[in-house]
PDB file of N, CA and C in Angstrom:
ATOM      1  N   MET A   1      15.665  -4.537 -77.354  1.00  0.00           N
ATOM      2  CA  MET A   1      15.931  -4.002 -76.030  1.00  0.00           C
ATOM      3  C   MET A   1      15.144  -2.697 -75.897  1.00  0.00           C
ATOM      4  N   SER A   2      14.318  -2.633 -74.878  1.00  0.00           N
ATOM      5  CA  SER A   2      13.471  -1.461 -74.697  1.00  0.00           C
ATOM      6  C   SER A   2      14.146  -0.450 -73.765  1.00  0.00           C
ATOM      7  N   ASP A   3      13.513   0.712 -73.672  1.00  0.00           N
ATOM      8  CA  ASP A   3      14.030   1.745 -72.772  1.00  0.00           C
ATOM      9  C   ASP A   3      13.976   1.291 -71.324  1.00  0.00           C
ATOM     10  N   ALA A   4      12.962   0.520 -70.980  1.00  0.00           N
ATOM     11  CA  ALA A   4      12.829   0.016 -69.612  1.00  0.00           C
ATOM     12  C   ALA A   4      13.979  -0.930 -69.263  1.00  0.00           C
ATOM     13  N   ASP A   5      14.380  -1.749 -70.231  1.00  0.00           N
ATOM     14  CA  ASP A   5      15.508  -2.661 -69.995  1.00  0.00           C
ATOM     15  C   ASP A   5      16.798  -1.893 -69.748  1.00  0.00           C
ATOM     16  N   VAL A   6      17.034  -0.881 -70.551  1.00  0.00           N
ATOM     17  CA  VAL A   6      18.247  -0.070 -70.394  1.00  0.00           C
ATOM     18  C   VAL A   6      18.233   0.640 -69.042  1.00  0.00           C
ATOM     19  N   THR A   7      17.076   1.174 -68.666  1.00  0.00           N
ATOM     20  CA  THR A   7      16.962   1.862 -67.380  1.00  0.00           C
ATOM     21  C   THR A   7      17.173   0.895 -66.223  1.00  0.00           C
ATOM     22  N   GLU A   8      16.637  -0.312 -66.337  1.00  0.00           N
ATOM     23  CA  GLU A   8      16.803  -1.308 -65.281  1.00  0.00           C
ATOM     24  C   GLU A   8      18.270  -1.728 -65.132  1.00  0.00           C
ATOM     25  N   ILE A   9      18.937  -1.950 -66.247  1.00  0.00           N
ATOM     26  CA  ILE A   9      20.355  -2.326 -66.201  1.00  0.00           C
ATOM     27  C   ILE A   9      21.182  -1.194 -65.602  1.00  0.00           C
ATOM     28  N   ALA A  10      20.891   0.044 -66.002  1.00  0.00           N
ATOM     29  CA  ALA A  10      21.626   1.189 -65.464  1.00  0.00           C
ATOM     30  C   ALA A  10      21.388   1.333 -63.965  1.00  0.00           C
ATOM     31  N   MET A  11      20.153   1.110 -63.521  1.00  0.00           N
ATOM     32  CA  MET A  11      19.849   1.210 -62.099  1.00  0.00           C
ATOM     33  C   MET A  11      20.589   0.139 -61.304  1.00  0.00           C
ATOM     34  N   HIS A  12      20.580  -1.093 -61.810  1.00  0.00           N
ATOM     35  CA  HIS A  12      21.293  -2.171 -61.116  1.00  0.00           C
ATOM     36  C   HIS A  12      22.800  -1.918 -61.109  1.00  0.00           C
ATOM     37  N   THR A  13      23.320  -1.365 -62.186  1.00  0.00           N
ATOM     38  CA  THR A  13      24.750  -1.065 -62.254  1.00  0.00           C
ATOM     39  C   THR A  13      25.152  -0.004 -61.240  1.00  0.00           C
ATOM     40  N   MET A  14      24.354   1.054 -61.145  1.00  0.00           N
ATOM     41  CA  MET A  14      24.674   2.118 -60.179  1.00  0.00           C
ATOM     42  C   MET A  14      24.519   1.639 -58.743  1.00  0.00           C
ATOM     43  N   LEU A  15      23.508   0.795 -58.487  1.00  0.00           N
ATOM     44  CA  LEU A  15      23.331   0.238 -57.150  1.00  0.00           C
ATOM     45  C   LEU A  15      24.507  -0.659 -56.778  1.00  0.00           C
ATOM     46  N   LEU A  16      24.954  -1.468 -57.718  1.00  0.00           N
ATOM     47  CA  LEU A  16      26.106  -2.331 -57.464  1.00  0.00           C
ATOM     48  C   LEU A  16      27.369  -1.510 -57.224  1.00  0.00           C
ATOM     49  N   ALA A  17      27.563  -0.459 -58.000  1.00  0.00           N
ATOM     50  CA  ALA A  17      28.737   0.403 -57.809  1.00  0.00           C
ATOM     51  C   ALA A  17      28.719   1.038 -56.424  1.00  0.00           C
ATOM     52  N   ALA A  18      27.548   1.459 -55.973  1.00  0.00           N
ATOM     53  CA  ALA A  18      27.448   2.049 -54.631  1.00  0.00           C
ATOM     54  C   ALA A  18      27.716   1.012 -53.553  1.00  0.00           C
ATOM     55  N   LYS A  19      27.185  -0.206 -53.732  1.00  0.00           N
ATOM     56  CA  LYS A  19      27.418  -1.269 -52.746  1.00  0.00           C
ATOM     57  C   LYS A  19      28.894  -1.645 -52.667  1.00  0.00           C
ATOM     58  N   ILE A  20      29.549  -1.681 -53.822  1.00  0.00           N
ATOM     59  CA  ILE A  20      30.957  -2.075 -53.846  1.00  0.00           C
ATOM     60  C   ILE A  20      31.855  -0.981 -53.273  1.00  0.00           C
ATOM     61  N   ALA A  21      31.531   0.265 -53.554  1.00  0.00           N
ATOM     62  CA  ALA A  21      32.373   1.371 -53.091  1.00  0.00           C
ATOM     63  C   ALA A  21      32.140   1.718 -51.626  1.00  0.00           C
ATOM     64  N   ALA A  22      31.000   1.348 -51.079  1.00  0.00           N
ATOM     65  CA  ALA A  22      30.644   1.761 -49.718  1.00  0.00           C
ATOM     66  C   ALA A  22      31.659   1.347 -48.643  1.00  0.00           C
ATOM     67  N   PRO A  23      32.100   0.093 -48.574  1.00  0.00           N
ATOM     68  CA  PRO A  23      33.042  -0.244 -47.498  1.00  0.00           C
ATOM     69  C   PRO A  23      34.352   0.540 -47.559  1.00  0.00           C
ATOM     70  N   ILE A  24      34.851   0.767 -48.749  1.00  0.00           N
ATOM     71  CA  ILE A  24      36.116   1.474 -48.902  1.00  0.00           C
ATOM     72  C   ILE A  24      35.940   2.955 -48.575  1.00  0.00           C
ATOM     73  N   LEU A  25      34.874   3.546 -49.095  1.00  0.00           N
ATOM     74  CA  LEU A  25      34.635   4.963 -48.838  1.00  0.00           C
ATOM     75  C   LEU A  25      34.311   5.225 -47.371  1.00  0.00           C
ATOM     76  N   LEU A  26      33.522   4.352 -46.757  1.00  0.00           N
ATOM     77  CA  LEU A  26      33.196   4.535 -45.344  1.00  0.00           C
ATOM     78  C   LEU A  26      34.427   4.364 -44.454  1.00  0.00           C
ATOM     79  N   THR A  27      35.299   3.440 -44.817  1.00  0.00           N
ATOM     80  CA  THR A  27      36.544   3.266 -44.060  1.00  0.00           C
ATOM     81  C   THR A  27      37.401   4.523 -44.151  1.00  0.00           C
ATOM     82  N   ALA A  28      37.564   5.048 -45.349  1.00  0.00           N
ATOM     83  CA  ALA A  28      38.357   6.273 -45.527  1.00  0.00           C
ATOM     84  C   ALA A  28      37.724   7.448 -44.788  1.00  0.00           C
ATOM     85  N   LEU A  29      36.402   7.531 -44.822  1.00  0.00           N
ATOM     86  CA  LEU A  29      35.704   8.609 -44.121  1.00  0.00           C
ATOM     87  C   LEU A  29      35.896   8.511 -42.613  1.00  0.00           C
ATOM     88  N   LEU A  30      35.741   7.317 -42.070  1.00  0.00           N
ATOM     89  CA  LEU A  30      35.880   7.129 -40.622  1.00  0.00           C
ATOM     90  C   LEU A  30      37.305   7.397 -40.151  1.00  0.00           C
ATOM     91  N   VAL A  31      38.282   6.866 -40.858  1.00  0.00           N
ATOM     92  CA  VAL A  31      39.677   7.087 -40.469  1.00  0.00           C
ATOM     93  C   VAL A  31      40.054   8.552 -40.620  1.00  0.00           C
ATOM     94  N   GLY A  32      39.624   9.184 -41.696  1.00  0.00           N
ATOM     95  CA  GLY A  32      39.902  10.606 -41.884  1.00  0.00           C
ATOM     96  C   GLY A  32      39.283  11.460 -40.799  1.00  0.00           C
ATOM     97  N   PHE A  33      38.060  11.128 -40.394  1.00  0.00           N
ATOM     98  CA  PHE A  33      37.393  11.874 -39.330  1.00  0.00           C
ATOM     99  C   PHE A  33      38.126  11.704 -38.003  1.00  0.00           C
ATOM    100  N   LEU A  34      38.514  10.471 -37.680  1.00  0.00           N
ATOM    101  CA  LEU A  34      39.221  10.231 -36.411  1.00  0.00           C
ATOM    102  C   LEU A  34      40.574  10.940 -36.390  1.00  0.00           C
ATOM    103  N   ILE A  35      41.260  10.938 -37.504  1.00  0.00           N
ATOM    104  CA  ILE A  35      42.567  11.602 -37.551  1.00  0.00           C
ATOM    105  C   ILE A  35      42.399  13.116 -37.477  1.00  0.00           C
ATOM    106  N   SER A  36      41.354  13.643 -38.106  1.00  0.00           N
ATOM    107  CA  SER A  36      41.145  15.090 -38.017  1.00  0.00           C
ATOM    108  C   SER A  36      40.770  15.504 -36.599  1.00  0.00           C
ATOM    109  N   LEU A  37      40.035  14.656 -35.891  1.00  0.00           N
ATOM    110  CA  LEU A  37      39.765  14.935 -34.476  1.00  0.00           C
ATOM    111  C   LEU A  37      41.062  14.947 -33.663  1.00  0.00           C
ATOM    112  N   PHE A  38      41.916  13.970 -33.938  1.00  0.00           N
ATOM    113  CA  PHE A  38      43.205  13.908 -33.243  1.00  0.00           C
ATOM    114  C   PHE A  38      44.054  15.138 -33.559  1.00  0.00           C
ATOM    115  N   GLN A  39      44.070  15.541 -34.826  1.00  0.00           N
ATOM    116  CA  GLN A  39      44.847  16.715 -35.214  1.00  0.00           C
ATOM    117  C   GLN A  39      44.286  17.989 -34.588  1.00  0.00           C
ATOM    118  N   ALA A  40      42.987  18.077 -34.480  1.00  0.00           N
ATOM    119  CA  ALA A  40      42.390  19.264 -33.868  1.00  0.00           C
ATOM    120  C   ALA A  40      42.680  19.307 -32.371  1.00  0.00           C
ATOM    121  N   ALA A  41      42.696  18.142 -31.733  1.00  0.00           N
ATOM    122  CA  ALA A  41      42.949  18.097 -30.296  1.00  0.00           C
ATOM    123  C   ALA A  41      44.406  18.384 -29.967  1.00  0.00           C
ATOM    124  N   THR A  42      45.308  17.914 -30.808  1.00  0.00           N
ATOM    125  CA  THR A  42      46.739  18.079 -30.521  1.00  0.00           C
ATOM    126  C   THR A  42      47.369  19.230 -31.280  1.00  0.00           C
ATOM    127  N   GLN A  43      46.653  19.832 -32.211  1.00  0.00           N
ATOM    128  CA  GLN A  43      47.130  20.918 -33.058  1.00  0.00           C
ATOM    129  C   GLN A  43      48.357  20.523 -33.880  1.00  0.00           C
ATOM    130  N   ILE A  44      48.425  19.260 -34.235  1.00  0.00           N
ATOM    131  CA  ILE A  44      49.463  18.773 -35.148  1.00  0.00           C
ATOM    132  C   ILE A  44      48.871  18.824 -36.548  1.00  0.00           C
ATOM    133  N   GLN A  45      49.488  19.560 -37.452  1.00  0.00           N
ATOM    134  CA  GLN A  45      48.950  19.725 -38.808  1.00  0.00           C
ATOM    135  C   GLN A  45      49.899  19.121 -39.844  1.00  0.00           C
ATOM    136  N   GLU A  46      50.240  17.882 -39.671  1.00  0.00           N
ATOM    137  CA  GLU A  46      51.127  17.179 -40.590  1.00  0.00           C
ATOM    138  C   GLU A  46      50.283  16.453 -41.639  1.00  0.00           C
ATOM    139  N   GLN A  47      50.565  16.651 -42.918  1.00  0.00           N
ATOM    140  CA  GLN A  47      49.775  16.059 -43.991  1.00  0.00           C
ATOM    141  C   GLN A  47      49.892  14.539 -44.031  1.00  0.00           C
ATOM    142  N   THR A  48      51.086  14.027 -43.769  1.00  0.00           N
ATOM    143  CA  THR A  48      51.259  12.576 -43.835  1.00  0.00           C
ATOM    144  C   THR A  48      50.547  11.879 -42.691  1.00  0.00           C
ATOM    145  N   LEU A  49      50.249  12.589 -41.633  1.00  0.00           N
ATOM    146  CA  LEU A  49      49.537  11.998 -40.509  1.00  0.00           C
ATOM    147  C   LEU A  49      48.125  11.586 -40.921  1.00  0.00           C
ATOM    148  N   SER A  50      47.537  12.288 -41.861  1.00  0.00           N
ATOM    149  CA  SER A  50      46.200  11.906 -42.310  1.00  0.00           C
ATOM    150  C   SER A  50      46.240  10.961 -43.506  1.00  0.00           C
ATOM    151  N   PHE A  51      47.281  11.035 -44.312  1.00  0.00           N
ATOM    152  CA  PHE A  51      47.317  10.252 -45.546  1.00  0.00           C
ATOM    153  C   PHE A  51      47.713   8.797 -45.314  1.00  0.00           C
ATOM    154  N   VAL A  52      48.756   8.566 -44.569  1.00  0.00           N
ATOM    155  CA  VAL A  52      49.293   7.210 -44.412  1.00  0.00           C
ATOM    156  C   VAL A  52      48.314   6.280 -43.689  1.00  0.00           C
ATOM    157  N   PRO A  53      47.747   6.668 -42.544  1.00  0.00           N
ATOM    158  CA  PRO A  53      46.789   5.753 -41.908  1.00  0.00           C
ATOM    159  C   PRO A  53      45.544   5.500 -42.757  1.00  0.00           C
ATOM    160  N   LYS A  54      45.111   6.509 -43.496  1.00  0.00           N
ATOM    161  CA  LYS A  54      43.948   6.329 -44.365  1.00  0.00           C
ATOM    162  C   LYS A  54      44.273   5.346 -45.482  1.00  0.00           C
ATOM    163  N   MET A  55      45.470   5.441 -46.040  1.00  0.00           N
ATOM    164  CA  MET A  55      45.884   4.530 -47.094  1.00  0.00           C
ATOM    165  C   MET A  55      45.975   3.092 -46.562  1.00  0.00           C
ATOM    166  N   VAL A  56      46.507   2.924 -45.371  1.00  0.00           N
ATOM    167  CA  VAL A  56      46.615   1.597 -44.771  1.00  0.00           C
ATOM    168  C   VAL A  56      45.226   1.026 -44.471  1.00  0.00           C
ATOM    169  N   ALA A  57      44.332   1.853 -43.939  1.00  0.00           N
ATOM    170  CA  ALA A  57      42.983   1.392 -43.617  1.00  0.00           C
ATOM    171  C   ALA A  57      42.208   0.994 -44.872  1.00  0.00           C
ATOM    172  N   VAL A  58      42.367   1.746 -45.935  1.00  0.00           N
ATOM    173  CA  VAL A  58      41.696   1.400 -47.192  1.00  0.00           C
ATOM    174  C   VAL A  58      42.266   0.103 -47.758  1.00  0.00           C
ATOM    175  N   ALA A  59      43.561  -0.099 -47.657  1.00  0.00           N
ATOM    176  CA  ALA A  59      44.172  -1.351 -48.124  1.00  0.00           C
ATOM    177  C   ALA A  59      43.642  -2.539 -47.322  1.00  0.00           C
ATOM    178  N   ILE A  60      43.501  -2.371 -46.023  1.00  0.00           N
ATOM    179  CA  ILE A  60      42.951  -3.445 -45.189  1.00  0.00           C
ATOM    180  C   ILE A  60      41.490  -3.703 -45.552  1.00  0.00           C
ATOM    181  N   ALA A  61      40.731  -2.636 -45.791  1.00  0.00           N
ATOM    182  CA  ALA A  61      39.328  -2.800 -46.195  1.00  0.00           C
ATOM    183  C   ALA A  61      39.227  -3.534 -47.531  1.00  0.00           C
ATOM    184  N   LEU A  62      40.144  -3.237 -48.443  1.00  0.00           N
ATOM    185  CA  LEU A  62      40.151  -3.949 -49.723  1.00  0.00           C
ATOM    186  C   LEU A  62      40.485  -5.425 -49.535  1.00  0.00           C
ATOM    187  N   LEU A  63      41.414  -5.729 -48.645  1.00  0.00           N
ATOM    188  CA  LEU A  63      41.756  -7.126 -48.380  1.00  0.00           C
ATOM    189  C   LEU A  63      40.594  -7.874 -47.734  1.00  0.00           C
ATOM    190  N   VAL A  64      39.902  -7.216 -46.831  1.00  0.00           N
ATOM    191  CA  VAL A  64      38.804  -7.869 -46.116  1.00  0.00           C
ATOM    192  C   VAL A  64      37.591  -8.063 -47.023  1.00  0.00           C
ATOM    193  N   THR A  65      37.258  -7.055 -47.821  1.00  0.00           N
ATOM    194  CA  THR A  65      36.035  -7.118 -48.629  1.00  0.00           C
ATOM    195  C   THR A  65      36.287  -7.525 -50.085  1.00  0.00           C
ATOM    196  N   GLY A  66      37.518  -7.804 -50.439  1.00  0.00           N
ATOM    197  CA  GLY A  66      37.843  -8.117 -51.831  1.00  0.00           C
ATOM    198  C   GLY A  66      37.111  -9.323 -52.382  1.00  0.00           C
ATOM    199  N   ASN A  67      36.988 -10.381 -51.584  1.00  0.00           N
ATOM    200  CA  ASN A  67      36.308 -11.594 -52.042  1.00  0.00           C
ATOM    201  C   ASN A  67      34.828 -11.317 -52.293  1.00  0.00           C
ATOM    202  N   TRP A  68      34.207 -10.557 -51.394  1.00  0.00           N
ATOM    203  CA  TRP A  68      32.794 -10.212 -51.559  1.00  0.00           C
ATOM    204  C   TRP A  68      32.595  -9.337 -52.795  1.00  0.00           C
ATOM    205  N   VAL A  69      33.474  -8.359 -52.993  1.00  0.00           N
ATOM    206  CA  VAL A  69      33.375  -7.466 -54.150  1.00  0.00           C
ATOM    207  C   VAL A  69      33.483  -8.274 -55.444  1.00  0.00           C
ATOM    208  N   LEU A  70      34.439  -9.179 -55.491  1.00  0.00           N
ATOM    209  CA  LEU A  70      34.618  -9.987 -56.700  1.00  0.00           C
ATOM    210  C   LEU A  70      33.411 -10.877 -56.946  1.00  0.00           C
ATOM    211  N   SER A  71      32.863 -11.487 -55.905  1.00  0.00           N
ATOM    212  CA  SER A  71      31.694 -12.348 -56.099  1.00  0.00           C
ATOM    213  C   SER A  71      30.476 -11.542 -56.552  1.00  0.00           C
ATOM    214  N   GLU A  72      30.313 -10.323 -56.055  1.00  0.00           N
ATOM    215  CA  GLU A  72      29.201  -9.470 -56.499  1.00  0.00           C
ATOM    216  C   GLU A  72      29.361  -9.105 -57.975  1.00  0.00           C
ATOM    217  N   LEU A  73      30.574  -8.763 -58.377  1.00  0.00           N
ATOM    218  CA  LEU A  73      30.813  -8.406 -59.780  1.00  0.00           C
ATOM    219  C   LEU A  73      30.600  -9.598 -60.711  1.00  0.00           C
ATOM    220  N   VAL A  74      31.062 -10.779 -60.303  1.00  0.00           N
ATOM    221  CA  VAL A  74      30.886 -11.969 -61.129  1.00  0.00           C
ATOM    222  C   VAL A  74      29.409 -12.336 -61.225  1.00  0.00           C
ATOM    223  N   SER A  75      28.686 -12.231 -60.109  1.00  0.00           N
ATOM    224  CA  SER A  75      27.258 -12.531 -60.114  1.00  0.00           C
ATOM    225  C   SER A  75      26.500 -11.566 -61.027  1.00  0.00           C
ATOM    226  N   PHE A  76      26.831 -10.290 -60.961  1.00  0.00           N
ATOM    227  CA  PHE A  76      26.180  -9.291 -61.817  1.00  0.00           C
ATOM    228  C   PHE A  76      26.475  -9.568 -63.292  1.00  0.00           C
ATOM    229  N   THR A  77      27.716  -9.868 -63.599  1.00  0.00           N
ATOM    230  CA  THR A  77      28.096 -10.144 -64.988  1.00  0.00           C
ATOM    231  C   THR A  77      27.421 -11.407 -65.505  1.00  0.00           C
ATOM    232  N   ASN A  78      27.370 -12.454 -64.673  1.00  0.00           N
ATOM    233  CA  ASN A  78      26.679 -13.683 -65.088  1.00  0.00           C
ATOM    234  C   ASN A  78      25.198 -13.425 -65.330  1.00  0.00           C
ATOM    235  N   GLY A  79      24.591 -12.585 -64.503  1.00  0.00           N
ATOM    236  CA  GLY A  79      23.190 -12.236 -64.705  1.00  0.00           C
ATOM    237  C   GLY A  79      22.972 -11.492 -66.008  1.00  0.00           C
ATOM    238  N   LEU A  80      23.892 -10.595 -66.336  1.00  0.00           N
ATOM    239  CA  LEU A  80      23.776  -9.871 -67.612  1.00  0.00           C
ATOM    240  C   LEU A  80      23.898 -10.812 -68.805  1.00  0.00           C
ATOM    241  N   PHE A  81      24.863 -11.728 -68.738  1.00  0.00           N
ATOM    242  CA  PHE A  81      25.028 -12.668 -69.843  1.00  0.00           C
ATOM    243  C   PHE A  81      23.840 -13.626 -69.942  1.00  0.00           C
ATOM    244  N   ALA A  82      23.253 -13.999 -68.809  1.00  0.00           N
ATOM    245  CA  ALA A  82      22.085 -14.875 -68.834  1.00  0.00           C
ATOM    246  C   ALA A  82      20.877 -14.162 -69.434  1.00  0.00           C
ATOM    247  N   ASP A  83      20.752 -12.855 -69.220  1.00  0.00           N
ATOM    248  CA  ASP A  83      19.640 -12.082 -69.753  1.00  0.00           C
ATOM    249  C   ASP A  83      19.855 -11.607 -71.186  1.00  0.00           C
ATOM    250  N   LEU A  84      21.006 -11.847 -71.737  1.00  0.00           N
ATOM    251  CA  LEU A  84      21.310 -11.341 -73.066  1.00  0.00           C
ATOM    252  C   LEU A  84      20.329 -11.813 -74.142  1.00  0.00           C
ATOM    253  N   PRO A  85      19.978 -13.088 -74.195  1.00  0.00           N
ATOM    254  CA  PRO A  85      18.990 -13.492 -75.234  1.00  0.00           C
ATOM    255  C   PRO A  85      17.646 -12.795 -75.065  1.00  0.00           C
ATOM    256  N   ARG A  86      17.191 -12.628 -73.829  1.00  0.00           N
ATOM    257  CA  ARG A  86      15.915 -11.934 -73.597  1.00  0.00           C
ATOM    258  C   ARG A  86      16.016 -10.469 -74.012  1.00  0.00           C
ATOM    259  N   LEU A  87      17.130  -9.845 -73.692  1.00  0.00           N
ATOM    260  CA  LEU A  87      17.303  -8.437 -74.020  1.00  0.00           C
ATOM    261  C   LEU A  87      17.389  -8.209 -75.529  1.00  0.00           C
ATOM    262  N   LEU A  88      17.931  -9.174 -76.232  1.00  0.00           N
ATOM    263  CA  LEU A  88      18.037  -9.052 -77.686  1.00  0.00           C
ATOM    264  C   LEU A  88      16.770  -9.494 -78.405  1.00  0.00           C
ATOM    265  N   GLY A  89      15.800  -9.997 -77.639  1.00  0.00           N
ATOM    266  CA  GLY A  89      14.534 -10.393 -78.233  1.00  0.00           C
ATOM    267  C   GLY A  89      14.534 -11.765 -78.824  1.00  0.00           C
ATOM    268  N   ARG A  90      15.445 -12.620 -78.393  1.00  0.00           N
ATOM    269  CA  ARG A  90      15.542 -13.986 -78.940  1.00  0.00           C
ATOM    270  C   ARG A  90      15.249 -15.008 -77.857  1.00  0.00           C
ATOM    271  N   SER A  91      14.207 -14.800 -77.111  1.00  0.00           N
ATOM    272  CA  SER A  91      13.884 -15.742 -76.024  1.00  0.00           C
ATOM    273  C   SER A  91      12.951 -16.769 -76.510  1.00  0.00           C
TER     274      SER A  91
END
C-alpha cells in the first residue's frame, strides 16, 4: 500500500463523511436560523423554543435520508473490500 493509496482512501472517506453529514447539518442550520429570526422579531428568548424544533427537524431529516446514507456507506465499504487485494499488492 503506497502513500498515494492511503491519501486517496482518506480523501474519499472525508468526502463521504461530508456528503452524509450535509443533509442533517443543513437542516439544523436552516431551522436554527429561522427560529432565531422568529426570536429576534418577537423578542422571545426561550431556550427550548430553539432546541425542540431543531431536534424534530433533524429526526425527520434522518428518517428521510437514512436509506440513502446507509446505501452510501455500504457502497463505500464494499468498494474498500473489493480494493483490498490491490491495496495489499496481491492483484
